[in-house]
Amino acid sequence: MFSDQILQIKDQSILLFNERENTDIIIAAPHHTPFGAPYMPCEKLRPGDEGVGFIVKKTANILNCSSVIASNYFIDSNKFEDSDYFKIIKRNNLRLLTEIHGHGSKSARYDIEISAGSFEKNEISMKFAELLRKKMKGSLLEKFTVCGDWRKIYFTAQYTKTVNTSLWNAIHAELPWSIRGIPENAELFSEIAAETIREFYKLI
């Protein structure tokens, strides 16, 4: 198990794979950057998903499943099938990948946007969103809007290789700063996400 301090390293690109006995489910973050590092060190400047790695780590701990985090990475790792990130996920023969991302709220139409990568898989993303919404009800996160309808969300993940694949089922989740950047919200979301993933896994 890697420490939280590793996720705060700003001057290195690190691929973190925490392998557990349960590799049927993998929680992942291809664009994690430390808090205070808004951009990834790619050749073409790309916004980073500040803090999502901590949510991935916590969620995977609860589920006792494997996790992959590309931290402060030098490439857009989920867009290429030959990336180390894609390859390390593929070698595990998983059934469900859940990728956690972060958005800056300017383009997102909902606080939390859920996609399975295409309109053809809309039923999948809408089911996940429905479960997540139910788990959030009555909690401190109830105020956050959730949508899994590919036709309505902005972050569709249509060009994401790790989501648009026939090798495994995949969920792409976009979270606002107001969840990622507030410790108690991030902690609670991790717990709710774990419950949602556990229940969703039984349906696929």
C-alpha atoms as a PDB file:
ATOM      1  CA  MET A   1       0.000   0.000   0.000  1.00  0.00           C
ATOM      2  CA  PHE A   2       1.399   3.389  -0.983  1.00  0.00           C
ATOM      3  CA  SER A   3       1.157   6.414   1.283  1.00  0.00           C
ATOM      4  CA  ASP A   4      -0.854   9.577   0.731  1.00  0.00           C
ATOM      5  CA  GLN A   5       2.426  11.489   0.520  1.00  0.00           C
ATOM      6  CA  ILE A   6       3.203   9.836  -2.825  1.00  0.00           C
ATOM      7  CA  LEU A   7       0.027  11.337  -4.266  1.00  0.00           C
ATOM      8  CA  GLN A   8       1.298  14.797  -3.343  1.00  0.00           C
ATOM      9  CA  ILE A   9       4.624  14.550  -5.237  1.00  0.00           C
ATOM     10  CA  LYS A  10       4.646  17.338  -7.817  1.00  0.00           C
ATOM     11  CA  ASP A  11       7.985  16.877  -9.570  1.00  0.00           C
ATOM     12  CA  GLN A  12       7.657  13.264 -10.760  1.00  0.00           C
ATOM     13  CA  SER A  13       5.297  11.211 -12.921  1.00  0.00           C
ATOM     14  CA  ILE A  14       4.378   8.015 -11.084  1.00  0.00           C
ATOM     15  CA  LEU A  15       2.202   5.044 -12.073  1.00  0.00           C
ATOM     16  CA  LEU A  16       0.833   3.431  -8.927  1.00  0.00           C
ATOM     17  CA  PHE A  17      -0.651  -0.062  -9.005  1.00  0.00           C
ATOM     18  CA  ASN A  18      -1.922  -1.510  -5.760  1.00  0.00           C
ATOM     19  CA  GLU A  19      -2.726  -5.139  -6.477  1.00  0.00           C
ATOM     20  CA  ARG A  20      -5.089  -7.040  -4.260  1.00  0.00           C
ATOM     21  CA  GLU A  21      -6.594 -10.498  -4.443  1.00  0.00           C
ATOM     22  CA  ASN A  22      -9.775  -9.053  -5.955  1.00  0.00           C
ATOM     23  CA  THR A  23      -8.883  -7.882  -9.472  1.00  0.00           C
ATOM     24  CA  ASP A  24     -12.405  -8.350 -10.857  1.00  0.00           C
ATOM     25  CA  ILE A  25     -12.962  -4.717  -9.889  1.00  0.00           C
ATOM     26  CA  ILE A  26     -10.396  -1.981 -10.472  1.00  0.00           C
ATOM     27  CA  ILE A  27     -10.747   1.640  -9.373  1.00  0.00           C
ATOM     28  CA  ALA A  28      -8.531   4.002 -11.343  1.00  0.00           C
ATOM     29  CA  ALA A  29      -7.479   7.596 -11.936  1.00  0.00           C
ATOM     30  CA  PRO A  30      -5.599   8.363 -15.165  1.00  0.00           C
ATOM     31  CA  HIS A  31      -5.268  12.114 -14.560  1.00  0.00           C
ATOM     32  CA  HIS A  32      -4.568  12.544 -10.836  1.00  0.00           C
ATOM     33  CA  THR A  33      -2.523  15.571  -9.865  1.00  0.00           C
ATOM     34  CA  PRO A  34      -1.577  16.718  -6.358  1.00  0.00           C
ATOM     35  CA  PHE A  35      -3.525  19.530  -4.748  1.00  0.00           C
ATOM     36  CA  GLY A  36      -1.970  22.769  -5.950  1.00  0.00           C
ATOM     37  CA  ALA A  37      -0.958  21.261  -9.311  1.00  0.00           C
ATOM     38  CA  PRO A  38      -3.797  22.145 -11.713  1.00  0.00           C
ATOM     39  CA  TYR A  39      -2.058  20.818 -14.837  1.00  0.00           C
ATOM     40  CA  MET A  40      -0.456  17.545 -15.898  1.00  0.00           C
ATOM     41  CA  PRO A  41       3.127  17.745 -17.231  1.00  0.00           C
ATOM     42  CA  CYS A  42       2.099  16.613 -20.736  1.00  0.00           C
ATOM     43  CA  GLU A  43       3.673  17.941 -23.933  1.00  0.00           C
ATOM     44  CA  LYS A  44       0.264  19.430 -24.691  1.00  0.00           C
ATOM     45  CA  LEU A  45      -0.864  21.167 -21.504  1.00  0.00           C
ATOM     46  CA  ARG A  46      -3.802  19.317 -19.976  1.00  0.00           C
ATOM     47  CA  PRO A  47      -5.767  20.121 -16.804  1.00  0.00           C
ATOM     48  CA  GLY A  48      -5.181  17.615 -14.041  1.00  0.00           C
ATOM     49  CA  ASP A  49      -7.824  16.047 -11.812  1.00  0.00           C
ATOM     50  CA  GLU A  50      -6.597  17.387  -8.482  1.00  0.00           C
ATOM     51  CA  GLY A  51      -7.130  15.028  -5.577  1.00  0.00           C
ATOM     52  CA  VAL A  52      -8.982  12.180  -7.300  1.00  0.00           C
ATOM     53  CA  GLY A  53      -6.220   9.726  -6.409  1.00  0.00           C
ATOM     54  CA  PHE A  54      -7.128   9.994  -2.737  1.00  0.00           C
ATOM     55  CA  ILE A  55     -10.731   9.053  -3.537  1.00  0.00           C
ATOM     56  CA  VAL A  56      -9.553   6.110  -5.658  1.00  0.00           C
ATOM     57  CA  LYS A  57      -7.295   4.888  -2.862  1.00  0.00           C
ATOM     58  CA  LYS A  58     -10.014   5.139  -0.202  1.00  0.00           C
ATOM     59  CA  THR A  59     -12.672   3.498  -2.391  1.00  0.00           C
ATOM     60  CA  ALA A  60     -10.363   0.609  -3.304  1.00  0.00           C
ATOM     61  CA  ASN A  61      -9.457   0.125   0.371  1.00  0.00           C
ATOM     62  CA  ILE A  62     -13.120  -0.227   1.303  1.00  0.00           C
ATOM     63  CA  LEU A  63     -13.766  -2.712  -1.516  1.00  0.00           C
ATOM     64  CA  ASN A  64     -10.440  -4.478  -0.981  1.00  0.00           C
ATOM     65  CA  CYS A  65      -9.908  -4.331  -4.735  1.00  0.00           C
ATOM     66  CA  SER A  66      -7.004  -3.313  -6.955  1.00  0.00           C
ATOM     67  CA  SER A  67      -6.353   0.278  -7.993  1.00  0.00           C
ATOM     68  CA  VAL A  68      -4.326   2.102 -10.639  1.00  0.00           C
ATOM     69  CA  ILE A  69      -3.370   5.771 -10.377  1.00  0.00           C
ATOM     70  CA  ALA A  70      -1.382   7.701 -12.983  1.00  0.00           C
ATOM     71  CA  SER A  71      -0.115  10.501 -10.763  1.00  0.00           C
ATOM     72  CA  ASN A  72       1.105  13.765 -12.289  1.00  0.00           C
ATOM     73  CA  TYR A  73       1.529  11.754 -15.488  1.00  0.00           C
ATOM     74  CA  PHE A  74       3.316  12.855 -18.619  1.00  0.00           C
ATOM     75  CA  ILE A  75       0.698  11.528 -21.071  1.00  0.00           C
ATOM     76  CA  ASP A  76      -3.084  11.388 -21.308  1.00  0.00           C
ATOM     77  CA  SER A  77      -2.881   7.733 -20.316  1.00  0.00           C
ATOM     78  CA  ASN A  78      -6.457   6.535 -20.840  1.00  0.00           C
ATOM     79  CA  LYS A  79      -6.498   7.642 -24.486  1.00  0.00           C
ATOM     80  CA  PHE A  80      -3.894   5.116 -25.699  1.00  0.00           C
ATOM     81  CA  GLU A  81      -4.060   1.317 -25.662  1.00  0.00           C
ATOM     82  CA  ASP A  82      -0.259   1.136 -25.639  1.00  0.00           C
ATOM     83  CA  SER A  83       0.097   3.250 -22.481  1.00  0.00           C
ATOM     84  CA  ASP A  84       1.447   1.628 -19.314  1.00  0.00           C
ATOM     85  CA  TYR A  85      -1.785   2.614 -17.597  1.00  0.00           C
ATOM     86  CA  PHE A  86      -3.966   0.746 -20.117  1.00  0.00           C
ATOM     87  CA  LYS A  87      -1.666  -2.295 -20.162  1.00  0.00           C
ATOM     88  CA  ILE A  88      -1.567  -2.696 -16.397  1.00  0.00           C
ATOM     89  CA  ILE A  89      -5.370  -2.608 -16.261  1.00  0.00           C
ATOM     90  CA  LYS A  90      -5.707  -5.079 -19.141  1.00  0.00           C
ATOM     91  CA  ARG A  91      -3.410  -7.708 -17.642  1.00  0.00           C
ATOM     92  CA  ASN A  92      -5.744  -8.179 -14.678  1.00  0.00           C
ATOM     93  CA  ASN A  93      -8.645  -9.724 -16.624  1.00  0.00           C
ATOM     94  CA  LEU A  94     -11.096  -7.529 -14.737  1.00  0.00           C
ATOM     95  CA  ARG A  95     -14.877  -7.346 -15.093  1.00  0.00           C
ATOM     96  CA  LEU A  96     -15.473  -3.752 -13.985  1.00  0.00           C
ATOM     97  CA  LEU A  97     -13.325  -0.638 -14.254  1.00  0.00           C
ATOM     98  CA  THR A  98     -14.424   2.552 -12.511  1.00  0.00           C
ATOM     99  CA  GLU A  99     -12.408   5.610 -13.516  1.00  0.00           C
ATOM    100  CA  ILE A 100     -12.614   8.662 -11.270  1.00  0.00           C
ATOM    101  CA  HIS A 101     -12.048  12.094 -12.823  1.00  0.00           C
ATOM    102  CA  GLY A 102     -12.403  15.715 -11.785  1.00  0.00           C
ATOM    103  CA  HIS A 103     -13.948  18.652 -13.599  1.00  0.00           C
ATOM    104  CA  GLY A 104     -13.721  22.390 -13.047  1.00  0.00           C
ATOM    105  CA  SER A 105     -17.508  22.905 -13.219  1.00  0.00           C
ATOM    106  CA  LYS A 106     -17.336  25.291 -16.192  1.00  0.00           C
ATOM    107  CA  SER A 107     -18.374  22.757 -18.838  1.00  0.00           C
ATOM    108  CA  ALA A 108     -20.161  20.120 -16.760  1.00  0.00           C
ATOM    109  CA  ARG A 109     -23.942  20.219 -16.887  1.00  0.00           C
ATOM    110  CA  TYR A 110     -24.283  18.306 -13.620  1.00  0.00           C
ATOM    111  CA  ASP A 111     -22.166  18.139 -10.466  1.00  0.00           C
ATOM    112  CA  ILE A 112     -21.452  14.451 -11.029  1.00  0.00           C
ATOM    113  CA  GLU A 113     -21.512  13.088 -14.564  1.00  0.00           C
ATOM    114  CA  ILE A 114     -21.487   9.341 -15.215  1.00  0.00           C
ATOM    115  CA  SER A 115     -20.768   7.755 -18.598  1.00  0.00           C
ATOM    116  CA  ALA A 116     -20.145   4.293 -20.002  1.00  0.00           C
ATOM    117  CA  GLY A 117     -18.564   5.808 -23.108  1.00  0.00           C
ATOM    118  CA  SER A 118     -21.324   5.738 -25.704  1.00  0.00           C
ATOM    119  CA  PHE A 119     -25.043   6.144 -26.249  1.00  0.00           C
ATOM    120  CA  GLU A 120     -25.259   2.389 -26.905  1.00  0.00           C
ATOM    121  CA  LYS A 121     -24.243   1.851 -23.266  1.00  0.00           C
ATOM    122  CA  ASN A 122     -26.533   4.545 -21.911  1.00  0.00           C
ATOM    123  CA  GLU A 123     -28.596   2.077 -19.912  1.00  0.00           C
ATOM    124  CA  ILE A 124     -25.456   1.047 -18.015  1.00  0.00           C
ATOM    125  CA  SER A 125     -24.415   4.576 -17.045  1.00  0.00           C
ATOM    126  CA  MET A 126     -27.958   5.567 -16.121  1.00  0.00           C
ATOM    127  CA  LYS A 127     -28.260   2.556 -13.814  1.00  0.00           C
ATOM    128  CA  PHE A 128     -24.990   3.404 -12.079  1.00  0.00           C
ATOM    129  CA  ALA A 129     -26.083   7.032 -11.673  1.00  0.00           C
ATOM    130  CA  GLU A 130     -29.424   5.914 -10.243  1.00  0.00           C
ATOM    131  CA  LEU A 131     -27.712   3.725  -7.648  1.00  0.00           C
ATOM    132  CA  LEU A 132     -25.276   6.500  -6.740  1.00  0.00           C
ATOM    133  CA  ARG A 133     -28.080   9.024  -6.377  1.00  0.00           C
ATOM    134  CA  LYS A 134     -29.986   6.692  -4.038  1.00  0.00           C
ATOM    135  CA  LYS A 135     -26.888   6.127  -1.899  1.00  0.00           C
ATOM    136  CA  MET A 136     -26.299   9.884  -1.639  1.00  0.00           C
ATOM    137  CA  LYS A 137     -29.875  10.621  -0.585  1.00  0.00           C
ATOM    138  CA  GLY A 138     -30.109  11.721   3.031  1.00  0.00           C
ATOM    139  CA  SER A 139     -26.363  12.346   3.258  1.00  0.00           C
ATOM    140  CA  LEU A 140     -24.309  15.547   3.165  1.00  0.00           C
ATOM    141  CA  LEU A 141     -23.836  14.911  -0.553  1.00  0.00           C
ATOM    142  CA  GLU A 142     -27.541  14.866  -1.368  1.00  0.00           C
ATOM    143  CA  LYS A 143     -27.376  18.424  -2.778  1.00  0.00           C
ATOM    144  CA  PHE A 144     -25.055  17.364  -5.614  1.00  0.00           C
ATOM    145  CA  THR A 145     -26.783  16.619  -8.912  1.00  0.00           C
ATOM    146  CA  VAL A 146     -26.031  13.311 -10.652  1.00  0.00           C
ATOM    147  CA  CYS A 147     -26.685  12.376 -14.284  1.00  0.00           C
ATOM    148  CA  GLY A 148     -25.829   9.255 -16.256  1.00  0.00           C
ATOM    149  CA  ASP A 149     -27.704  10.098 -19.451  1.00  0.00           C
ATOM    150  CA  TRP A 150     -25.179  10.259 -22.310  1.00  0.00           C
ATOM    151  CA  ARG A 151     -27.452  12.661 -24.192  1.00  0.00           C
ATOM    152  CA  LYS A 152     -27.438  15.223 -21.376  1.00  0.00           C
ATOM    153  CA  ILE A 153     -23.926  15.180 -19.913  1.00  0.00           C
ATOM    154  CA  TYR A 154     -20.865  17.030 -21.200  1.00  0.00           C
ATOM    155  CA  PHE A 155     -18.153  14.531 -20.241  1.00  0.00           C
ATOM    156  CA  THR A 156     -19.175  11.560 -22.403  1.00  0.00           C
ATOM    157  CA  ALA A 157     -15.767   9.793 -22.463  1.00  0.00           C
ATOM    158  CA  GLN A 158     -16.374   8.886 -26.097  1.00  0.00           C
ATOM    159  CA  TYR A 159     -12.642   9.000 -26.930  1.00  0.00           C
ATOM    160  CA  THR A 160     -11.485   7.167 -23.820  1.00  0.00           C
ATOM    161  CA  LYS A 161      -9.876   3.825 -24.708  1.00  0.00           C
ATOM    162  CA  THR A 162     -10.199   2.360 -21.223  1.00  0.00           C
ATOM    163  CA  VAL A 163     -13.942   3.027 -21.243  1.00  0.00           C
ATOM    164  CA  ASN A 164     -14.760   2.277 -24.885  1.00  0.00           C
ATOM    165  CA  THR A 165     -13.612  -1.319 -24.940  1.00  0.00           C
ATOM    166  CA  SER A 166     -15.204  -4.755 -25.135  1.00  0.00           C
ATOM    167  CA  LEU A 167     -12.599  -6.202 -22.758  1.00  0.00           C
ATOM    168  CA  TRP A 168     -14.428  -5.131 -19.594  1.00  0.00           C
ATOM    169  CA  ASN A 169     -17.359  -3.084 -18.321  1.00  0.00           C
ATOM    170  CA  ALA A 170     -16.442   0.502 -17.500  1.00  0.00           C
ATOM    171  CA  ILE A 171     -17.805   3.533 -15.692  1.00  0.00           C
ATOM    172  CA  HIS A 172     -16.387   7.042 -16.133  1.00  0.00           C
ATOM    173  CA  ALA A 173     -17.228   9.377 -13.228  1.00  0.00           C
ATOM    174  CA  GLU A 174     -16.561  13.135 -13.208  1.00  0.00           C
ATOM    175  CA  LEU A 175     -16.513  14.892  -9.831  1.00  0.00           C
ATOM    176  CA  PRO A 176     -16.540  18.602  -8.960  1.00  0.00           C
ATOM    177  CA  TRP A 177     -13.921  20.359  -6.852  1.00  0.00           C
ATOM    178  CA  SER A 178     -16.484  20.761  -4.075  1.00  0.00           C
ATOM    179  CA  ILE A 179     -16.307  16.996  -3.535  1.00  0.00           C
ATOM    180  CA  ARG A 180     -12.623  16.396  -4.305  1.00  0.00           C
ATOM    181  CA  GLY A 181     -11.245  19.403  -2.455  1.00  0.00           C
ATOM    182  CA  ILE A 182     -13.221  19.162   0.784  1.00  0.00           C
ATOM    183  CA  PRO A 183     -11.866  16.272   2.908  1.00  0.00           C
ATOM    184  CA  GLU A 184     -15.151  15.294   4.577  1.00  0.00           C
ATOM    185  CA  ASN A 185     -16.944  15.282   1.212  1.00  0.00           C
ATOM    186  CA  ALA A 186     -14.182  13.253  -0.444  1.00  0.00           C
ATOM    187  CA  GLU A 187     -14.235  10.763   2.425  1.00  0.00           C
ATOM    188  CA  LEU A 188     -18.002  10.376   2.304  1.00  0.00           C
ATOM    189  CA  PHE A 189     -18.079  10.104  -1.474  1.00  0.00           C
ATOM    190  CA  SER A 190     -15.473   7.321  -1.330  1.00  0.00           C
ATOM    191  CA  GLU A 191     -17.691   5.366   1.055  1.00  0.00           C
ATOM    192  CA  ILE A 192     -20.803   5.916  -1.061  1.00  0.00           C
ATOM    193  CA  ALA A 193     -18.925   5.092  -4.279  1.00  0.00           C
ATOM    194  CA  ALA A 194     -17.738   1.810  -2.774  1.00  0.00           C
ATOM    195  CA  GLU A 195     -21.306   0.850  -1.843  1.00  0.00           C
ATOM    196  CA  THR A 196     -22.525   1.811  -5.319  1.00  0.00           C
ATOM    197  CA  ILE A 197     -19.802  -0.135  -7.114  1.00  0.00           C
ATOM    198  CA  ARG A 198     -20.395  -3.200  -4.948  1.00  0.00           C
ATOM    199  CA  GLU A 199     -24.109  -3.185  -5.760  1.00  0.00           C
ATOM    200  CA  PHE A 200     -23.607  -2.325  -9.441  1.00  0.00           C
ATOM    201  CA  TYR A 201     -21.103  -5.171  -9.847  1.00  0.00           C
ATOM    202  CA  LYS A 202     -23.809  -7.685  -8.957  1.00  0.00           C
ATOM    203  CA  LEU A 203     -25.891  -6.453 -11.901  1.00  0.00           C
ATOM    204  CA  ILE A 204     -23.341  -6.896 -14.681  1.00  0.00           C
END
